[in-house]
C-alpha atoms as a PDB file:
ATOM      1  CA  MET A   1    -205.994  61.714 180.371  1.00  0.00           C
ATOM      2  CA  ALA A   2    -207.624  58.922 178.429  1.00  0.00           C
ATOM      3  CA  GLY A   3    -209.783  59.956 175.494  1.00  0.00           C
ATOM      4  CA  SER A   4    -208.395  63.450 175.399  1.00  0.00           C
ATOM      5  CA  ASP A   5    -205.906  65.102 173.125  1.00  0.00           C
ATOM      6  CA  GLU A   6    -205.403  68.103 175.408  1.00  0.00           C
ATOM      7  CA  GLY A   7    -201.937  68.602 176.767  1.00  0.00           C
ATOM      8  CA  GLY A   8    -200.619  65.468 175.136  1.00  0.00           C
ATOM      9  CA  GLN A   9    -198.678  64.725 172.033  1.00  0.00           C
ATOM     10  CA  THR A  10    -200.973  63.990 169.118  1.00  0.00           C
ATOM     11  CA  GLY A  11    -200.557  60.778 167.215  1.00  0.00           C
ATOM     12  CA  ALA A  12    -198.719  59.123 170.116  1.00  0.00           C
ATOM     13  CA  SER A  13    -201.117  56.172 170.194  1.00  0.00           C
ATOM     14  CA  VAL A  14    -202.806  54.034 167.586  1.00  0.00           C
ATOM     15  CA  PRO A  15    -205.794  55.907 166.090  1.00  0.00           C
ATOM     16  CA  SER A  16    -209.183  54.691 167.241  1.00  0.00           C
ATOM     17  CA  MET A  17    -210.154  54.399 163.583  1.00  0.00           C
ATOM     18  CA  SER A  18    -207.942  53.982 160.551  1.00  0.00           C
ATOM     19  CA  PRO A  19    -208.335  56.122 157.442  1.00  0.00           C
ATOM     20  CA  ALA A  20    -209.454  53.000 155.531  1.00  0.00           C
ATOM     21  CA  GLN A  21    -212.107  52.234 158.162  1.00  0.00           C
ATOM     22  CA  SER A  22    -213.397  55.795 157.897  1.00  0.00           C
ATOM     23  CA  ARG A  23    -213.654  55.567 154.101  1.00  0.00           C
ATOM     24  CA  GLY A  24    -215.322  52.169 154.368  1.00  0.00           C
ATOM     25  CA  ALA A  25    -217.856  53.316 156.941  1.00  0.00           C
ATOM     26  CA  ARG A  26    -218.756  56.364 154.864  1.00  0.00           C
ATOM     27  CA  GLY A  27    -219.195  54.126 151.827  1.00  0.00           C
ATOM     28  CA  LEU A  28    -221.484  51.741 153.701  1.00  0.00           C
ATOM     29  CA  LEU A  29    -223.567  54.662 154.957  1.00  0.00           C
ATOM     30  CA  GLY A  30    -223.590  56.453 151.598  1.00  0.00           C
ATOM     31  CA  TRP A  31    -222.011  59.576 153.101  1.00  0.00           C
ATOM     32  CA  SER A  32    -219.656  61.975 151.351  1.00  0.00           C
ATOM     33  CA  GLU A  33    -216.649  63.556 153.047  1.00  0.00           C
ATOM     34  CA  ALA A  34    -218.755  66.699 153.407  1.00  0.00           C
ATOM     35  CA  ASP A  35    -221.593  64.737 155.057  1.00  0.00           C
ATOM     36  CA  LEU A  36    -219.278  63.302 157.710  1.00  0.00           C
ATOM     37  CA  ALA A  37    -217.551  66.625 158.313  1.00  0.00           C
ATOM     38  CA  ALA A  38    -220.894  68.377 158.776  1.00  0.00           C
ATOM     39  CA  LYS A  39    -222.024  65.787 161.351  1.00  0.00           C
ATOM     40  CA  VAL A  40    -219.140  66.703 163.659  1.00  0.00           C
ATOM     41  CA  GLY A  41    -218.618  70.344 162.758  1.00  0.00           C
ATOM     42  CA  LEU A  42    -215.247  69.881 161.086  1.00  0.00           C
ATOM     43  CA  ASP A  43    -214.021  71.054 157.725  1.00  0.00           C
ATOM     44  CA  GLU A  44    -214.378  68.679 154.786  1.00  0.00           C
ATOM     45  CA  ARG A  45    -210.670  69.129 154.174  1.00  0.00           C
ATOM     46  CA  PHE A  46    -209.929  67.562 157.566  1.00  0.00           C
ATOM     47  CA  VAL A  47    -211.846  64.407 156.603  1.00  0.00           C
ATOM     48  CA  ARG A  48    -210.173  64.283 153.186  1.00  0.00           C
ATOM     49  CA  GLU A  49    -206.686  64.663 154.668  1.00  0.00           C
ATOM     50  CA  PHE A  50    -207.300  62.139 157.457  1.00  0.00           C
ATOM     51  CA  GLU A  51    -208.679  59.539 155.064  1.00  0.00           C
ATOM     52  CA  GLY A  52    -205.792  60.207 152.693  1.00  0.00           C
ATOM     53  CA  GLY A  53    -203.314  59.497 155.482  1.00  0.00           C
ATOM     54  CA  TYR A  54    -201.937  63.032 155.623  1.00  0.00           C
ATOM     55  CA  GLY A  55    -200.948  64.894 158.761  1.00  0.00           C
ATOM     56  CA  ASP A  56    -201.181  63.928 162.404  1.00  0.00           C
ATOM     57  CA  PRO A  57    -204.757  64.714 163.471  1.00  0.00           C
ATOM     58  CA  PRO A  58    -205.659  64.990 167.163  1.00  0.00           C
ATOM     59  CA  SER A  59    -207.155  61.756 168.473  1.00  0.00           C
ATOM     60  CA  GLY A  60    -210.171  63.676 169.784  1.00  0.00           C
ATOM     61  CA  GLN A  61    -211.142  64.706 166.261  1.00  0.00           C
ATOM     62  CA  ILE A  62    -210.737  61.161 164.959  1.00  0.00           C
ATOM     63  CA  GLU A  63    -212.891  59.944 167.839  1.00  0.00           C
ATOM     64  CA  ALA A  64    -215.558  62.535 166.929  1.00  0.00           C
ATOM     65  CA  LEU A  65    -215.635  61.158 163.373  1.00  0.00           C
ATOM     66  CA  ARG A  66    -215.847  57.595 164.669  1.00  0.00           C
ATOM     67  CA  SER A  67    -218.655  58.519 167.080  1.00  0.00           C
ATOM     68  CA  ALA A  68    -220.722  60.055 164.285  1.00  0.00           C
ATOM     69  CA  LEU A  69    -220.226  56.975 162.114  1.00  0.00           C
ATOM     70  CA  CYS A  70    -221.112  54.652 165.011  1.00  0.00           C
ATOM     71  CA  ALA A  71    -224.255  56.637 165.782  1.00  0.00           C
ATOM     72  CA  ALA A  72    -225.366  56.044 162.187  1.00  0.00           C
ATOM     73  CA  GLY A  73    -224.842  52.283 162.457  1.00  0.00           C
ATOM     74  CA  ALA A  74    -221.185  51.640 161.605  1.00  0.00           C
ATOM     75  CA  VAL A  75    -219.500  48.980 163.728  1.00  0.00           C
ATOM     76  CA  PHE A  76    -215.703  48.962 163.838  1.00  0.00           C
ATOM     77  CA  ASP A  77    -213.787  45.701 164.122  1.00  0.00           C
ATOM     78  CA  ASP A  78    -210.460  46.406 165.800  1.00  0.00           C
ATOM     79  CA  GLY A  79    -209.110  42.870 166.077  1.00  0.00           C
ATOM     80  CA  GLN A  80    -206.382  41.212 164.032  1.00  0.00           C
ATOM     81  CA  SER A  81    -208.188  42.111 160.814  1.00  0.00           C
ATOM     82  CA  PRO A  82    -209.534  45.643 161.369  1.00  0.00           C
ATOM     83  CA  GLY A  83    -212.592  46.481 159.348  1.00  0.00           C
ATOM     84  CA  VAL A  84    -216.056  47.966 159.488  1.00  0.00           C
ATOM     85  CA  HIS A  85    -219.596  46.758 158.889  1.00  0.00           C
ATOM     86  CA  LEU A  86    -223.110  47.989 159.466  1.00  0.00           C
ATOM     87  CA  ALA A  87    -224.991  46.968 162.578  1.00  0.00           C
ATOM     88  CA  ALA A  88    -227.781  44.488 162.068  1.00  0.00           C
ATOM     89  CA  ARG A  89    -231.019  46.323 161.616  1.00  0.00           C
ATOM     90  CA  ARG A  90    -233.492  45.901 164.407  1.00  0.00           C
ATOM     91  CA  GLU A  91    -236.871  44.557 163.564  1.00  0.00           C
ATOM     92  CA  THR A  92    -239.162  47.561 163.700  1.00  0.00           C
ATOM     93  CA  ASP A  93    -242.887  47.625 163.979  1.00  0.00           C
ATOM     94  CA  GLU A  94    -244.064  48.907 160.624  1.00  0.00           C
ATOM     95  CA  GLY A  95    -247.544  49.407 161.980  1.00  0.00           C
ATOM     96  CA  VAL A  96    -250.587  48.674 159.863  1.00  0.00           C
ATOM     97  CA  ARG A  97    -250.422  49.247 156.145  1.00  0.00           C
ATOM     98  CA  PRO A  98    -253.024  51.743 154.858  1.00  0.00           C
ATOM     99  CA  ASP A  99    -254.867  49.140 152.813  1.00  0.00           C
ATOM    100  CA  ALA A 100    -255.241  46.963 155.935  1.00  0.00           C
ATOM    101  CA  LEU A 101    -256.719  49.688 158.172  1.00  0.00           C
ATOM    102  CA  THR A 102    -260.070  48.977 159.752  1.00  0.00           C
ATOM    103  CA  THR A 103    -262.104  50.785 162.364  1.00  0.00           C
ATOM    104  CA  GLU A 104    -260.568  48.418 164.926  1.00  0.00           C
ATOM    105  CA  ASN A 105    -256.888  49.086 164.164  1.00  0.00           C
ATOM    106  CA  ASP A 106    -257.072  52.717 163.022  1.00  0.00           C
ATOM    107  CA  ARG A 107    -255.843  54.246 166.286  1.00  0.00           C
END
């Protein structure tokens, strides 16, 4: 079953995110190992061991980490030169600054 680690051998395929990509994404987002672990309900030790290259973590847990990082704006490049960068920020409507409020735009 694609995307699942149930009933299959863990580590049989290439991880959806490398330990270096995970560390890089956390660095770009300013997250600690504990921050990332808390976002997906895993132990901080799991993140530390995965990013250190230890063990053979289930692909589903790696995918959960990647999903949390993606939701926060990390974009993973999986081509010939795997890497990570932050998504371009969307232009947001900042509204009207307080010193520019008038009776016409104060709604």
